[in-house]
C-alpha atoms as a PDB file:
ATOM      1  CA  MET A   1      15.693  -1.952 -15.862  1.00  0.00           C
ATOM      2  CA  GLU A   2      19.191  -2.203 -17.148  1.00  0.00           C
ATOM      3  CA  ASN A   3      20.536  -5.430 -18.598  1.00  0.00           C
ATOM      4  CA  ARG A   4      22.610  -7.126 -16.081  1.00  0.00           C
ATOM      5  CA  GLU A   5      24.952  -8.941 -18.455  1.00  0.00           C
ATOM      6  CA  PHE A   6      26.289  -5.728 -19.222  1.00  0.00           C
ATOM      7  CA  SER A   7      25.781  -4.055 -15.871  1.00  0.00           C
ATOM      8  CA  HIS A   8      29.397  -3.902 -15.030  1.00  0.00           C
ATOM      9  CA  VAL A   9      30.526  -1.494 -17.684  1.00  0.00           C
ATOM     10  CA  PRO A  10      30.535   2.140 -16.437  1.00  0.00           C
ATOM     11  CA  VAL A  11      28.131   4.190 -18.574  1.00  0.00           C
ATOM     12  CA  LEU A  12      29.539   7.253 -20.980  1.00  0.00           C
ATOM     13  CA  LEU A  13      32.994   6.580 -19.317  1.00  0.00           C
ATOM     14  CA  ARG A  14      35.192   8.411 -21.552  1.00  0.00           C
ATOM     15  CA  GLU A  15      32.746  11.330 -22.221  1.00  0.00           C
ATOM     16  CA  CYS A  16      32.674  11.616 -18.329  1.00  0.00           C
ATOM     17  CA  MET A  17      36.372  11.509 -17.750  1.00  0.00           C
ATOM     18  CA  GLU A  18      36.742  14.161 -20.413  1.00  0.00           C
ATOM     19  CA  GLY A  19      34.019  16.301 -19.086  1.00  0.00           C
ATOM     20  CA  LEU A  20      35.535  16.493 -15.643  1.00  0.00           C
ATOM     21  CA  GLN A  21      38.819  17.495 -16.937  1.00  0.00           C
ATOM     22  CA  ILE A  22      40.796  15.950 -14.008  1.00  0.00           C
ATOM     23  CA  ARG A  23      43.967  17.269 -12.286  1.00  0.00           C
ATOM     24  CA  PRO A  24      46.168  14.743 -10.866  1.00  0.00           C
ATOM     25  CA  ASP A  25      46.334  17.076  -7.542  1.00  0.00           C
ATOM     26  CA  GLY A  26      42.658  17.653  -7.632  1.00  0.00           C
ATOM     27  CA  VAL A  27      39.556  16.917  -5.207  1.00  0.00           C
ATOM     28  CA  TYR A  28      36.932  14.884  -6.710  1.00  0.00           C
ATOM     29  CA  LEU A  29      33.256  13.340  -5.871  1.00  0.00           C
ATOM     30  CA  ASP A  30      31.785  10.416  -7.083  1.00  0.00           C
ATOM     31  CA  GLY A  31      28.099  10.817  -5.896  1.00  0.00           C
ATOM     32  CA  THR A  32      26.899   7.513  -6.904  1.00  0.00           C
ATOM     33  CA  LEU A  33      29.588   4.983  -6.232  1.00  0.00           C
ATOM     34  CA  GLY A  34      27.731   1.836  -7.259  1.00  0.00           C
ATOM     35  CA  ARG A  35      30.284  -0.715  -8.309  1.00  0.00           C
ATOM     36  CA  ALA A  36      32.900   2.041  -8.480  1.00  0.00           C
ATOM     37  CA  GLY A  37      33.448   2.011 -12.424  1.00  0.00           C
ATOM     38  CA  HIS A  38      33.536   5.740 -12.691  1.00  0.00           C
ATOM     39  CA  SER A  39      35.375   5.977  -9.336  1.00  0.00           C
ATOM     40  CA  LEU A  40      38.094   3.738 -10.362  1.00  0.00           C
ATOM     41  CA  GLU A  41      38.725   5.550 -13.477  1.00  0.00           C
ATOM     42  CA  ILE A  42      38.884   9.048 -11.614  1.00  0.00           C
ATOM     43  CA  VAL A  43      41.289   7.877  -8.900  1.00  0.00           C
ATOM     44  CA  ARG A  44      43.568   6.224 -11.523  1.00  0.00           C
ATOM     45  CA  ARG A  45      44.102   9.711 -12.904  1.00  0.00           C
ATOM     46  CA  LEU A  46      45.285  11.254  -9.457  1.00  0.00           C
ATOM     47  CA  SER A  47      48.382  11.580  -7.956  1.00  0.00           C
ATOM     48  CA  THR A  48      48.182  13.762  -5.013  1.00  0.00           C
ATOM     49  CA  GLY A  49      44.483  14.427  -5.435  1.00  0.00           C
ATOM     50  CA  ARG A  50      41.618  12.948  -3.416  1.00  0.00           C
ATOM     51  CA  LEU A  51      38.381  11.173  -4.412  1.00  0.00           C
ATOM     52  CA  ILE A  52      35.237  11.313  -2.123  1.00  0.00           C
ATOM     53  CA  ALA A  53      32.813   8.472  -3.126  1.00  0.00           C
ATOM     54  CA  ILE A  54      29.294   8.417  -1.669  1.00  0.00           C
ATOM     55  CA  ASP A  55      26.419   5.773  -1.672  1.00  0.00           C
ATOM     56  CA  ARG A  56      23.474   5.123   0.519  1.00  0.00           C
ATOM     57  CA  ASP A  57      23.797   1.193   0.080  1.00  0.00           C
ATOM     58  CA  GLY A  58      25.912  -0.440   2.502  1.00  0.00           C
ATOM     59  CA  ALA A  59      26.859  -3.054   0.155  1.00  0.00           C
ATOM     60  CA  ALA A  60      28.149  -0.640  -2.487  1.00  0.00           C
ATOM     61  CA  ILE A  61      30.579   0.938   0.266  1.00  0.00           C
ATOM     62  CA  GLU A  62      31.937  -2.583   0.909  1.00  0.00           C
ATOM     63  CA  ALA A  63      32.251  -3.766  -2.336  1.00  0.00           C
ATOM     64  CA  ALA A  64      34.311  -0.465  -3.149  1.00  0.00           C
ATOM     65  CA  GLN A  65      36.722  -1.288  -0.137  1.00  0.00           C
ATOM     66  CA  VAL A  66      37.858  -4.110  -2.325  1.00  0.00           C
ATOM     67  CA  ARG A  67      37.641  -2.735  -5.470  1.00  0.00           C
ATOM     68  CA  LEU A  68      39.461   0.583  -4.635  1.00  0.00           C
ATOM     69  CA  ALA A  69      41.946  -1.180  -2.274  1.00  0.00           C
ATOM     70  CA  GLU A  70      44.986  -0.337  -4.225  1.00  0.00           C
ATOM     71  CA  TYR A  71      44.032   3.545  -3.968  1.00  0.00           C
ATOM     72  CA  ARG A  72      42.695   3.586  -0.435  1.00  0.00           C
ATOM     73  CA  ASP A  73      45.082   6.241   0.581  1.00  0.00           C
ATOM     74  CA  LYS A  74      43.393   8.611  -2.019  1.00  0.00           C
ATOM     75  CA  VAL A  75      39.731   7.670  -1.281  1.00  0.00           C
ATOM     76  CA  LEU A  76      37.326   8.521   1.278  1.00  0.00           C
ATOM     77  CA  LEU A  77      34.131   6.393   1.135  1.00  0.00           C
ATOM     78  CA  VAL A  78      31.027   7.808   2.768  1.00  0.00           C
ATOM     79  CA  ARG A  79      27.743   6.207   3.427  1.00  0.00           C
ATOM     80  CA  SER A  80      25.243   8.707   2.816  1.00  0.00           C
ATOM     81  CA  ASN A  81      22.442   9.812   0.238  1.00  0.00           C
ATOM     82  CA  PHE A  82      23.739  12.437  -2.109  1.00  0.00           C
ATOM     83  CA  SER A  83      20.920  14.762  -0.935  1.00  0.00           C
ATOM     84  CA  ASP A  84      22.940  15.320   2.057  1.00  0.00           C
ATOM     85  CA  LEU A  85      25.946  16.345   0.010  1.00  0.00           C
ATOM     86  CA  ALA A  86      26.409  19.573   1.909  1.00  0.00           C
ATOM     87  CA  GLN A  87      26.388  17.856   5.149  1.00  0.00           C
ATOM     88  CA  VAL A  88      28.686  15.157   4.102  1.00  0.00           C
ATOM     89  CA  LEU A  89      31.518  17.754   2.755  1.00  0.00           C
ATOM     90  CA  ASP A  90      30.838  19.730   5.782  1.00  0.00           C
ATOM     91  CA  GLU A  91      31.400  16.822   8.127  1.00  0.00           C
ATOM     92  CA  HIS A  92      34.702  15.876   6.332  1.00  0.00           C
ATOM     93  CA  HIS A  93      35.685  19.412   6.211  1.00  0.00           C
ATOM     94  CA  ILE A  94      36.279  19.507   2.474  1.00  0.00           C
ATOM     95  CA  GLU A  95      35.885  23.032   1.584  1.00  0.00           C
ATOM     96  CA  GLY A  96      35.942  22.816  -2.313  1.00  0.00           C
ATOM     97  CA  VAL A  97      35.731  20.009  -4.944  1.00  0.00           C
ATOM     98  CA  ASP A  98      37.302  20.252  -8.598  1.00  0.00           C
ATOM     99  CA  GLY A  99      34.554  18.095  -9.912  1.00  0.00           C
ATOM    100  CA  MET A 100      31.628  16.001  -9.266  1.00  0.00           C
ATOM    101  CA  LEU A 101      30.132  13.049 -11.102  1.00  0.00           C
ATOM    102  CA  PHE A 102      26.377  11.705 -10.380  1.00  0.00           C
ATOM    103  CA  ASP A 103      25.193   8.455 -12.358  1.00  0.00           C
ATOM    104  CA  LEU A 104      21.512   8.449 -11.666  1.00  0.00           C
ATOM    105  CA  GLY A 105      21.065   4.934 -12.929  1.00  0.00           C
ATOM    106  CA  VAL A 106      19.924   1.822 -10.501  1.00  0.00           C
ATOM    107  CA  SER A 107      23.084   0.136  -9.095  1.00  0.00           C
ATOM    108  CA  SER A 108      23.279  -3.057 -10.816  1.00  0.00           C
ATOM    109  CA  PRO A 109      24.079  -5.203  -7.627  1.00  0.00           C
ATOM    110  CA  GLN A 110      20.837  -4.045  -6.557  1.00  0.00           C
ATOM    111  CA  LEU A 111      19.213  -5.159  -9.579  1.00  0.00           C
ATOM    112  CA  ASP A 112      21.462  -8.400  -9.473  1.00  0.00           C
ATOM    113  CA  ASP A 113      20.511  -9.339  -5.656  1.00  0.00           C
ATOM    114  CA  ALA A 114      16.967 -10.945  -6.156  1.00  0.00           C
ATOM    115  CA  ALA A 115      16.210 -10.642  -2.371  1.00  0.00           C
ATOM    116  CA  ARG A 116      16.227  -6.676  -2.920  1.00  0.00           C
ATOM    117  CA  GLY A 117      12.850  -6.816  -4.667  1.00  0.00           C
ATOM    118  CA  PHE A 118      13.789  -4.165  -7.617  1.00  0.00           C
ATOM    119  CA  SER A 119      13.230  -6.811 -10.275  1.00  0.00           C
ATOM    120  CA  TYR A 120       9.865  -8.288 -11.745  1.00  0.00           C
ATOM    121  CA  MET A 121      12.063 -10.984 -13.203  1.00  0.00           C
ATOM    122  CA  HIS A 122      12.740 -12.767  -9.585  1.00  0.00           C
ATOM    123  CA  ASP A 123      10.153 -13.541  -6.622  1.00  0.00           C
ATOM    124  CA  ALA A 124      11.163 -11.659  -3.617  1.00  0.00           C
ATOM    125  CA  PRO A 125       9.511  -9.690  -0.762  1.00  0.00           C
ATOM    126  CA  LEU A 126       8.390  -6.250  -2.066  1.00  0.00           C
ATOM    127  CA  ASP A 127      11.360  -4.040  -0.780  1.00  0.00           C
ATOM    128  CA  MET A 128      13.212  -1.627  -3.310  1.00  0.00           C
ATOM    129  CA  ARG A 129      15.102   0.113  -0.918  1.00  0.00           C
ATOM    130  CA  MET A 130      18.425   1.379  -1.967  1.00  0.00           C
ATOM    131  CA  ASP A 131      19.427   2.007   1.817  1.00  0.00           C
ATOM    132  CA  ARG A 132      18.599  -1.253   3.660  1.00  0.00           C
ATOM    133  CA  ASP A 133      17.871   0.807   6.880  1.00  0.00           C
ATOM    134  CA  ALA A 134      15.667   3.308   5.405  1.00  0.00           C
ATOM    135  CA  ALA A 135      11.910   2.511   6.808  1.00  0.00           C
ATOM    136  CA  LEU A 136       9.744   2.887   3.814  1.00  0.00           C
ATOM    137  CA  THR A 137       9.668  -0.149   1.566  1.00  0.00           C
ATOM    138  CA  ALA A 138       7.651  -1.055  -1.648  1.00  0.00           C
ATOM    139  CA  TYR A 139       5.388  -3.386   0.349  1.00  0.00           C
ATOM    140  CA  THR A 140       4.213  -0.161   2.325  1.00  0.00           C
ATOM    141  CA  VAL A 141       3.607   1.955  -0.919  1.00  0.00           C
ATOM    142  CA  VAL A 142       1.678  -0.846  -2.350  1.00  0.00           C
ATOM    143  CA  ASN A 143      -0.537  -2.036   0.566  1.00  0.00           C
ATOM    144  CA  THR A 144      -0.944   1.356   2.277  1.00  0.00           C
ATOM    145  CA  TRP A 145      -0.906   4.437   0.280  1.00  0.00           C
ATOM    146  CA  PRO A 146      -4.237   5.879  -1.141  1.00  0.00           C
ATOM    147  CA  MET A 147      -5.439   4.819  -4.596  1.00  0.00           C
ATOM    148  CA  GLU A 148      -5.158   8.361  -5.806  1.00  0.00           C
ATOM    149  CA  GLU A 149      -1.488   8.560  -4.548  1.00  0.00           C
ATOM    150  CA  LEU A 150      -0.693   5.225  -6.292  1.00  0.00           C
ATOM    151  CA  ARG A 151      -2.112   6.613  -9.368  1.00  0.00           C
ATOM    152  CA  ARG A 152      -0.236   9.931  -9.346  1.00  0.00           C
ATOM    153  CA  ILE A 153       3.148   8.041  -8.859  1.00  0.00           C
ATOM    154  CA  LEU A 154       2.453   5.330 -11.668  1.00  0.00           C
ATOM    155  CA  PHE A 155       1.528   8.363 -13.970  1.00  0.00           C
ATOM    156  CA  ASP A 156       4.103  10.897 -12.999  1.00  0.00           C
ATOM    157  CA  TYR A 157       7.225   8.490 -12.280  1.00  0.00           C
ATOM    158  CA  GLY A 158       6.443   5.693 -14.498  1.00  0.00           C
ATOM    159  CA  GLU A 159       4.668   7.541 -17.358  1.00  0.00           C
ATOM    160  CA  GLU A 160       2.160   4.514 -17.288  1.00  0.00           C
ATOM    161  CA  ARG A 161      -0.885   5.516 -19.175  1.00  0.00           C
ATOM    162  CA  TYR A 162      -2.921   2.763 -17.697  1.00  0.00           C
ATOM    163  CA  ALA A 163      -2.137   4.059 -14.232  1.00  0.00           C
ATOM    164  CA  PRO A 164      -5.858   4.545 -12.872  1.00  0.00           C
ATOM    165  CA  ALA A 165      -6.669   0.778 -13.836  1.00  0.00           C
ATOM    166  CA  ILE A 166      -3.331  -0.511 -12.228  1.00  0.00           C
ATOM    167  CA  ALA A 167      -4.032   1.465  -9.087  1.00  0.00           C
ATOM    168  CA  ARG A 168      -7.513   0.198  -8.784  1.00  0.00           C
ATOM    169  CA  ALA A 169      -6.246  -3.369  -9.237  1.00  0.00           C
ATOM    170  CA  ILE A 170      -3.924  -3.200  -6.508  1.00  0.00           C
ATOM    171  CA  VAL A 171      -6.525  -1.566  -4.142  1.00  0.00           C
ATOM    172  CA  ARG A 172      -8.816  -4.194  -4.777  1.00  0.00           C
ATOM    173  CA  ALA A 173      -6.406  -7.072  -4.536  1.00  0.00           C
ATOM    174  CA  ARG A 174      -5.018  -5.703  -1.131  1.00  0.00           C
ATOM    175  CA  GLN A 175      -8.572  -5.446   0.506  1.00  0.00           C
ATOM    176  CA  GLU A 176      -8.681  -9.403  -0.025  1.00  0.00           C
ATOM    177  CA  LYS A 177      -5.162  -9.659   1.368  1.00  0.00           C
ATOM    178  CA  PRO A 178      -1.740  -7.833   1.253  1.00  0.00           C
ATOM    179  CA  VAL A 179       0.447  -7.759  -1.924  1.00  0.00           C
ATOM    180  CA  GLU A 180       3.753  -9.376  -0.749  1.00  0.00           C
ATOM    181  CA  THR A 181       6.055 -10.336  -3.599  1.00  0.00           C
ATOM    182  CA  THR A 182       7.339  -9.059  -6.806  1.00  0.00           C
ATOM    183  CA  PHE A 183       5.467 -11.605  -8.705  1.00  0.00           C
ATOM    184  CA  GLU A 184       2.159 -10.942  -7.135  1.00  0.00           C
ATOM    185  CA  LEU A 185       2.573  -7.320  -7.977  1.00  0.00           C
ATOM    186  CA  ALA A 186       3.686  -8.039 -11.564  1.00  0.00           C
ATOM    187  CA  GLU A 187       0.896 -10.375 -12.067  1.00  0.00           C
ATOM    188  CA  LEU A 188      -1.659  -7.669 -10.898  1.00  0.00           C
ATOM    189  CA  ILE A 189      -0.171  -5.152 -13.014  1.00  0.00           C
ATOM    190  CA  ARG A 190      -0.357  -7.582 -16.279  1.00  0.00           C
ATOM    191  CA  GLY A 191      -4.108  -8.559 -15.142  1.00  0.00           C
ATOM    192  CA  ALA A 192      -5.015  -4.660 -15.046  1.00  0.00           C
ATOM    193  CA  LEU A 193      -3.727  -4.138 -18.735  1.00  0.00           C
ATOM    194  CA  PRO A 194      -5.608  -4.306 -21.790  1.00  0.00           C
ATOM    195  CA  ALA A 195      -4.406  -6.870 -24.419  1.00  0.00           C
ATOM    196  CA  ALA A 196      -2.654  -4.377 -26.692  1.00  0.00           C
ATOM    197  CA  ALA A 197      -0.171  -3.394 -23.898  1.00  0.00           C
ATOM    198  CA  LYS A 198       0.493  -6.867 -22.819  1.00  0.00           C
ATOM    199  CA  ARG A 199       2.127  -7.435 -26.625  1.00  0.00           C
ATOM    200  CA  GLU A 200       4.453  -4.389 -26.104  1.00  0.00           C
ATOM    201  CA  LYS A 201       8.151  -5.518 -26.226  1.00  0.00           C
ATOM    202  CA  GLN A 202       8.836  -4.414 -22.734  1.00  0.00           C
ATOM    203  CA  HIS A 203       7.502  -6.180 -19.429  1.00  0.00           C
ATOM    204  CA  PRO A 204       4.081  -5.133 -18.600  1.00  0.00           C
ATOM    205  CA  ALA A 205       5.144  -4.171 -15.406  1.00  0.00           C
ATOM    206  CA  LYS A 206       8.396  -2.260 -15.955  1.00  0.00           C
ATOM    207  CA  ARG A 207       7.088   1.065 -16.024  1.00  0.00           C
ATOM    208  CA  SER A 208       5.096   0.609 -12.565  1.00  0.00           C
ATOM    209  CA  PHE A 209       8.181  -0.906 -10.866  1.00  0.00           C
ATOM    210  CA  GLN A 210      10.244   1.870 -11.772  1.00  0.00           C
ATOM    211  CA  ALA A 211       7.399   4.467 -10.509  1.00  0.00           C
ATOM    212  CA  ILE A 212       7.450   2.673  -7.082  1.00  0.00           C
ATOM    213  CA  ARG A 213      11.087   2.454  -6.896  1.00  0.00           C
ATOM    214  CA  ILE A 214      11.423   6.071  -7.412  1.00  0.00           C
ATOM    215  CA  ALA A 215       8.798   6.751  -4.684  1.00  0.00           C
ATOM    216  CA  VAL A 216      10.339   4.477  -2.026  1.00  0.00           C
ATOM    217  CA  ASN A 217      13.735   5.964  -2.671  1.00  0.00           C
ATOM    218  CA  ASP A 218      12.586   9.664  -3.102  1.00  0.00           C
ATOM    219  CA  GLU A 219      14.756   9.601  -5.882  1.00  0.00           C
ATOM    220  CA  LEU A 220      13.474  12.474  -7.716  1.00  0.00           C
ATOM    221  CA  GLY A 221      13.392  14.733  -4.470  1.00  0.00           C
ATOM    222  CA  ALA A 222      16.957  14.244  -3.927  1.00  0.00           C
ATOM    223  CA  LEU A 223      18.223  15.973  -7.154  1.00  0.00           C
ATOM    224  CA  PRO A 224      17.493  19.614  -6.548  1.00  0.00           C
ATOM    225  CA  PRO A 225      19.212  19.748  -3.189  1.00  0.00           C
ATOM    226  CA  MET A 226      22.331  17.601  -4.570  1.00  0.00           C
ATOM    227  CA  LEU A 227      22.682  19.875  -7.595  1.00  0.00           C
ATOM    228  CA  HIS A 228      22.451  23.194  -5.473  1.00  0.00           C
ATOM    229  CA  ALA A 229      24.799  21.864  -2.945  1.00  0.00           C
ATOM    230  CA  ALA A 230      27.205  20.805  -5.831  1.00  0.00           C
ATOM    231  CA  GLY A 231      27.108  24.176  -7.333  1.00  0.00           C
ATOM    232  CA  LYS A 232      28.074  25.780  -4.170  1.00  0.00           C
ATOM    233  CA  ALA A 233      30.808  23.468  -3.448  1.00  0.00           C
ATOM    234  CA  LEU A 234      32.494  23.338  -6.781  1.00  0.00           C
ATOM    235  CA  ARG A 235      35.653  25.456  -7.044  1.00  0.00           C
ATOM    236  CA  PRO A 236      35.890  28.121  -9.790  1.00  0.00           C
ATOM    237  CA  GLY A 237      36.417  26.053 -12.999  1.00  0.00           C
ATOM    238  CA  GLY A 238      35.236  22.756 -11.371  1.00  0.00           C
ATOM    239  CA  ARG A 239      32.950  20.542 -13.304  1.00  0.00           C
ATOM    240  CA  LEU A 240      29.684  18.978 -12.681  1.00  0.00           C
ATOM    241  CA  CYS A 241      28.662  15.850 -14.747  1.00  0.00           C
ATOM    242  CA  VAL A 242      25.341  14.159 -14.244  1.00  0.00           C
ATOM    243  CA  ILE A 243      24.002  11.096 -16.086  1.00  0.00           C
ATOM    244  CA  SER A 244      20.305  10.489 -16.227  1.00  0.00           C
ATOM    245  CA  PHE A 245      18.515   7.526 -17.387  1.00  0.00           C
ATOM    246  CA  HIS A 246      14.727   8.667 -17.970  1.00  0.00           C
ATOM    247  CA  SER A 247      13.229  12.015 -19.129  1.00  0.00           C
ATOM    248  CA  LEU A 248      11.947  12.813 -15.381  1.00  0.00           C
ATOM    249  CA  GLU A 249      15.445  12.869 -14.073  1.00  0.00           C
ATOM    250  CA  ASP A 250      16.744  14.684 -17.157  1.00  0.00           C
ATOM    251  CA  ARG A 251      14.111  17.358 -16.994  1.00  0.00           C
ATOM    252  CA  ILE A 252      14.835  17.938 -13.324  1.00  0.00           C
ATOM    253  CA  VAL A 253      18.772  18.269 -14.016  1.00  0.00           C
ATOM    254  CA  LYS A 254      18.235  20.422 -17.058  1.00  0.00           C
ATOM    255  CA  LYS A 255      16.048  23.043 -15.066  1.00  0.00           C
ATOM    256  CA  THR A 256      17.995  23.050 -11.948  1.00  0.00           C
ATOM    257  CA  VAL A 257      21.316  23.471 -13.844  1.00  0.00           C
ATOM    258  CA  GLN A 258      19.426  26.527 -15.768  1.00  0.00           C
ATOM    259  CA  GLU A 259      18.681  27.996 -12.729  1.00  0.00           C
ATOM    260  CA  LEU A 260      22.259  27.915 -11.456  1.00  0.00           C
ATOM    261  CA  ALA A 261      23.370  29.329 -14.507  1.00  0.00           C
ATOM    262  CA  LYS A 262      20.893  32.048 -14.549  1.00  0.00           C
ATOM    263  CA  GLY A 263      21.431  33.653 -11.102  1.00  0.00           C
ATOM    264  CA  CYS A 264      18.878  36.320 -10.962  1.00  0.00           C
ATOM    265  CA  THR A 265      15.634  35.374  -9.439  1.00  0.00           C
ATOM    266  CA  CYS A 266      13.935  38.647 -10.147  1.00  0.00           C
ATOM    267  CA  PRO A 267      10.422  38.862 -12.026  1.00  0.00           C
ATOM    268  CA  PRO A 268      10.907  39.454 -15.591  1.00  0.00           C
ATOM    269  CA  ASP A 269       9.221  42.539 -15.664  1.00  0.00           C
ATOM    270  CA  PHE A 270      11.920  44.351 -13.216  1.00  0.00           C
ATOM    271  CA  PRO A 271      13.819  46.735 -15.119  1.00  0.00           C
ATOM    272  CA  VAL A 272      16.757  46.190 -12.992  1.00  0.00           C
ATOM    273  CA  CYS A 273      18.188  43.135 -10.857  1.00  0.00           C
ATOM    274  CA  VAL A 274      17.380  43.750  -7.161  1.00  0.00           C
ATOM    275  CA  CYS A 275      18.156  40.348  -5.910  1.00  0.00           C
ATOM    276  CA  GLY A 276      21.838  40.552  -6.494  1.00  0.00           C
ATOM    277  CA  ASN A 277      21.964  36.743  -7.353  1.00  0.00           C
ATOM    278  CA  LYS A 278      24.769  35.961  -9.667  1.00  0.00           C
ATOM    279  CA  PRO A 279      25.376  32.797 -11.918  1.00  0.00           C
ATOM    280  CA  LYS A 280      27.026  29.935 -10.163  1.00  0.00           C
ATOM    281  CA  VAL A 281      27.630  27.849 -13.173  1.00  0.00           C
ATOM    282  CA  ARG A 282      27.848  28.084 -17.036  1.00  0.00           C
ATOM    283  CA  ILE A 283      26.341  25.284 -19.000  1.00  0.00           C
ATOM    284  CA  ILE A 284      28.859  23.284 -21.092  1.00  0.00           C
ATOM    285  CA  THR A 285      26.424  20.996 -22.776  1.00  0.00           C
ATOM    286  CA  LYS A 286      23.553  22.905 -24.670  1.00  0.00           C
ATOM    287  CA  LYS A 287      22.269  19.418 -25.391  1.00  0.00           C
ATOM    288  CA  PRO A 288      22.934  16.352 -23.488  1.00  0.00           C
ATOM    289  CA  ILE A 289      25.842  14.042 -24.705  1.00  0.00           C
ATOM    290  CA  LEU A 290      24.450  10.682 -25.703  1.00  0.00           C
ATOM    291  CA  PRO A 291      26.025   7.120 -25.849  1.00  0.00           C
ATOM    292  CA  SER A 292      27.706   6.233 -29.230  1.00  0.00           C
ATOM    293  CA  GLU A 293      25.827   3.239 -31.334  1.00  0.00           C
ATOM    294  CA  GLU A 294      29.084   1.518 -30.577  1.00  0.00           C
ATOM    295  CA  GLU A 295      28.595   2.027 -26.724  1.00  0.00           C
ATOM    296  CA  VAL A 296      25.073   0.943 -26.804  1.00  0.00           C
ATOM    297  CA  THR A 297      25.951  -2.177 -28.880  1.00  0.00           C
ATOM    298  CA  GLN A 298      28.473  -3.210 -26.197  1.00  0.00           C
ATOM    299  CA  ASN A 299      26.592  -2.088 -23.265  1.00  0.00           C
ATOM    300  CA  PRO A 300      22.515  -1.939 -23.735  1.00  0.00           C
ATOM    301  CA  ARG A 301      22.153  -0.265 -20.295  1.00  0.00           C
ATOM    302  CA  ALA A 302      23.576   2.983 -21.932  1.00  0.00           C
ATOM    303  CA  ARG A 303      20.544   3.338 -24.328  1.00  0.00           C
ATOM    304  CA  SER A 304      18.608   5.937 -22.571  1.00  0.00           C
ATOM    305  CA  ALA A 305      21.560   7.648 -20.896  1.00  0.00           C
ATOM    306  CA  LYS A 306      22.047  11.408 -21.284  1.00  0.00           C
ATOM    307  CA  LEU A 307      24.965  13.327 -19.757  1.00  0.00           C
ATOM    308  CA  ARG A 308      24.888  17.096 -18.916  1.00  0.00           C
ATOM    309  CA  ILE A 309      27.750  19.001 -17.811  1.00  0.00           C
ATOM    310  CA  ALA A 310      28.281  22.423 -16.160  1.00  0.00           C
ATOM    311  CA  GLU A 311      31.383  24.408 -14.910  1.00  0.00           C
ATOM    312  CA  ARG A 312      31.431  26.752 -11.642  1.00  0.00           C
ATOM    313  CA  THR A 313      31.982  30.216 -12.390  1.00  0.00           C
ATOM    314  CA  GLU A 314      34.043  32.833 -10.473  1.00  0.00           C
ATOM    315  CA  HIS A 315      31.251  34.590  -8.997  1.00  0.00           C
ATOM    316  CA  GLU A 316      30.800  34.452  -5.106  1.00  0.00           C
ATOM    317  CA  TRP A 317      32.386  31.168  -4.590  1.00  0.00           C
ATOM    318  CA  LYS A 318      31.635  30.002  -0.995  1.00  0.00           C
ATOM    319  CA  GLU A 319      29.239  33.031  -0.480  1.00  0.00           C
ATOM    320  CA  VAL A 320      26.365  31.473  -2.469  1.00  0.00           C
END
């Protein structure tokens, strides 16, 4: 979970603006609007250009209408999941984009709003939905998913070494009565951990809450469709900037961008390419860009951020 005191500060802002190589007359997309920190800096650099800003949270769209009011003639706000990027661009007749930015961190207003159930620091109903209209909630995951599936998401998404013990504790507790609040869940997790784990610097429930949040919002499943759609929609020379905050996200971003950069999908033992696929992007950052020590000091949320940048190639634009 990110530090709320500094949560209004856009992460890797200078690096993103430099990476996007913004042209005043270009078309740009912020696929994770949040508090509109990155969006504001993009639109300030536009003259005749246009910004499309997407977020699945209606509260983010409402807040952006105020924060970006001065630039409303240049901004299109769309409530949607970035996994539906291709559909959004098609519906709004946007044929090509000169740059796209995705900040995969949890939006700070969602963390700040105790009622949303994202935080183990405030007691609230188990929710964790980024889109308040979505059907799946943390309550459903915790109280109905099989123990083995709970163990899997805690281990895979939270990298929680005590996932089996925590999953067993949740299932035992819900047999008596449903687990209804964030405090109930956090206490269950704490009780399932050995003494050594409880003495760690971070909160005992941090990894498990992260895992359940990822499952509720299908955060990892949304990444490959978004990245492939971005690779297709970028104009030649257009830049893709993606900020991730944990290893699972970064791994998926790295792997998918490498696939887009490779092009050919033929088996390695084929003497010549027969698939005809060409590279769609070239990788700008061989290694991810990390925040400076100064930024981490000023904004602790940036500590785990990694920025990867790719650029659309000339090959087969709009034909892939």
